[in-house]
Amino acid sequence: MEQRLTDEERLTLKTGAFGAVFLVSNAEPGMFAMIKESVAASGALNDASGVVKEALTSGPLPQLPRDSALEVESVVLPALARAVDILRAKSPGDLAVYRQVVLAAADRVAEAHRGVVPAEAAVIERIRGALAEPA
């Protein structure tokens, strides 16, 4: 049974998804790379459907810290884990969609500029861990 998400819950899903893209993009910085990566990510995020699409396309953009990658990660990874909990409770049928969309966006960003480098692969593994079911 699907329940409507609150504004705060939608922002949590958006923070996790957009933040994951930001983390992968910043793992290998560069202005030209960033443009290619943004296009790649938007394509993956547009593949969302249902509650996930609504969350990613409505409301304000998430506010991420700008001081360091560690600070961003300390916001994004917990947001991904909370998003999993939210969807499991309110819209379980959309949980797989969220995981797929976030990981596809992260993968596309990493591959967009000269292929996946070790720093990007490490970030994607942390994202995958945050999206995983608790043991």
Protein backbone atom coordinates (compact mmCIF):
# COMPACT_ATOMS: atom_id res chain seq x y z
CA MET A 1 0.00 0.00 0.00
CA GLU A 2 1.46 3.32 -1.09
CA GLN A 3 1.22 6.32 1.23
CA ARG A 4 1.86 9.89 0.17
CA LEU A 5 5.28 11.26 1.10
CA THR A 6 5.63 14.44 3.13
CA ASP A 7 7.63 17.39 1.80
CA GLU A 8 10.44 16.46 4.19
CA GLU A 9 10.46 12.85 2.98
CA ARG A 10 10.54 13.93 -0.68
CA LEU A 11 13.46 16.23 0.14
CA THR A 12 15.27 13.32 1.80
CA LEU A 13 14.91 11.22 -1.37
CA LYS A 14 16.08 14.15 -3.47
CA THR A 15 19.03 14.89 -1.15
CA GLY A 16 20.17 11.28 -1.40
CA ALA A 17 19.83 11.04 -5.17
CA PHE A 18 21.26 14.44 -6.10
CA GLY A 19 23.91 14.15 -3.41
CA ALA A 20 25.03 10.77 -4.75
CA VAL A 21 25.54 12.32 -8.17
CA PHE A 22 27.43 15.22 -6.59
CA LEU A 23 29.73 12.85 -4.66
CA VAL A 24 30.62 10.80 -7.74
CA SER A 25 31.10 13.92 -9.87
CA ASN A 26 33.45 15.45 -7.31
CA ALA A 27 35.49 12.26 -6.90
CA GLU A 28 37.26 13.29 -10.11
CA PRO A 29 36.84 17.05 -10.48
CA GLY A 30 37.05 19.04 -13.69
CA MET A 31 34.81 21.63 -15.37
CA PHE A 32 34.44 19.85 -18.72
CA ALA A 33 33.87 16.55 -16.96
CA MET A 34 31.21 18.15 -14.74
CA ILE A 35 29.16 19.25 -17.75
CA LYS A 36 29.23 15.78 -19.33
CA GLU A 37 28.46 14.19 -15.98
CA SER A 38 25.48 16.48 -15.35
CA VAL A 39 23.93 15.50 -18.67
CA ALA A 40 24.53 11.81 -17.93
CA ALA A 41 22.99 12.08 -14.46
CA SER A 42 19.91 13.95 -15.64
CA GLY A 43 19.19 11.18 -18.14
CA ALA A 44 19.26 8.55 -15.39
CA LEU A 45 17.20 10.63 -12.97
CA ASN A 46 14.59 11.19 -15.68
CA ASP A 47 14.10 7.41 -15.83
CA ALA A 48 12.42 7.51 -12.41
CA SER A 49 8.73 6.74 -12.08
CA GLY A 50 5.95 6.92 -9.53
CA VAL A 51 6.70 8.31 -6.08
CA VAL A 52 10.41 8.50 -6.88
CA LYS A 53 9.86 10.67 -9.95
CA GLU A 54 7.54 12.93 -7.96
CA ALA A 55 10.14 13.32 -5.20
CA LEU A 56 13.00 14.05 -7.62
CA THR A 57 11.08 16.55 -9.74
CA SER A 58 9.13 18.55 -7.18
CA GLY A 59 9.98 20.93 -4.39
CA PRO A 60 13.21 22.75 -3.65
CA LEU A 61 16.69 21.57 -4.48
CA PRO A 62 18.56 20.02 -1.58
CA GLN A 63 21.10 22.13 0.28
CA LEU A 64 24.39 20.25 0.51
CA PRO A 65 27.43 21.36 2.52
CA ARG A 66 30.16 22.92 0.40
CA ASP A 67 33.15 22.74 2.75
CA SER A 68 34.43 19.23 2.03
CA ALA A 69 33.58 15.95 0.38
CA LEU A 70 33.49 14.33 3.83
CA GLU A 71 30.84 16.80 4.98
CA VAL A 72 28.77 16.16 1.86
CA GLU A 73 29.12 12.42 2.36
CA SER A 74 28.05 12.78 6.01
CA VAL A 75 24.75 14.25 4.77
CA VAL A 76 24.19 12.21 1.61
CA LEU A 77 24.84 8.66 2.81
CA PRO A 78 22.46 8.96 5.80
CA ALA A 79 19.88 10.57 3.46
CA LEU A 80 20.12 7.53 1.18
CA ALA A 81 19.64 5.18 4.13
CA ARG A 82 16.65 7.24 5.36
CA ALA A 83 15.19 7.22 1.84
CA VAL A 84 15.34 3.42 1.85
CA ASP A 85 13.53 3.36 5.21
CA ILE A 86 10.91 5.87 4.01
CA LEU A 87 10.16 3.93 0.84
CA ARG A 88 10.14 0.58 2.62
CA ALA A 89 7.50 1.96 5.01
CA LYS A 90 5.40 4.09 2.68
CA SER A 91 5.88 2.84 -0.86
CA PRO A 92 7.74 -0.51 -0.97
CA GLY A 93 7.06 -0.94 -4.67
CA ASP A 94 9.14 2.16 -5.39
CA LEU A 95 12.19 1.12 -3.35
CA ALA A 96 13.77 -0.85 -6.21
CA VAL A 97 13.11 2.08 -8.57
CA TYR A 98 14.91 4.48 -6.22
CA ARG A 99 17.93 2.19 -5.83
CA GLN A 100 18.10 1.61 -9.57
CA VAL A 101 17.80 5.28 -10.47
CA VAL A 102 20.40 6.44 -7.91
CA LEU A 103 22.92 3.75 -8.87
CA ALA A 104 22.33 4.28 -12.60
CA ALA A 105 22.90 8.02 -12.20
CA ALA A 106 26.08 7.39 -10.18
CA ASP A 107 27.35 4.89 -12.77
CA ARG A 108 26.56 7.19 -15.71
CA VAL A 109 28.33 10.09 -14.02
CA ALA A 110 31.41 7.97 -13.41
CA GLU A 111 31.48 6.68 -16.98
CA ALA A 112 30.77 10.04 -18.63
CA HIS A 113 34.34 11.32 -18.63
CA ARG A 114 37.19 8.92 -19.41
CA GLY A 115 35.54 5.95 -17.71
CA VAL A 116 35.32 4.99 -14.04
CA VAL A 117 38.39 5.85 -11.97
CA PRO A 118 39.15 4.21 -8.60
CA ALA A 119 37.98 7.23 -6.58
CA GLU A 120 34.60 7.15 -8.34
CA ALA A 121 34.27 3.39 -7.89
CA ALA A 122 34.94 3.79 -4.15
CA VAL A 123 32.22 6.45 -3.83
CA ILE A 124 29.75 4.29 -5.76
CA GLU A 125 30.43 1.39 -3.37
CA ARG A 126 29.67 3.65 -0.39
CA ILE A 127 26.45 4.75 -2.12
CA ARG A 128 25.55 1.12 -2.80
CA GLY A 129 26.17 0.33 0.88
CA ALA A 130 23.90 3.17 2.02
CA LEU A 131 21.13 1.87 -0.26
CA ALA A 132 21.48 -1.74 0.91
CA GLU A 133 19.04 -3.52 3.19
CA PRO A 134 20.24 -3.64 6.80
CA ALA A 135 21.97 -6.91 7.67
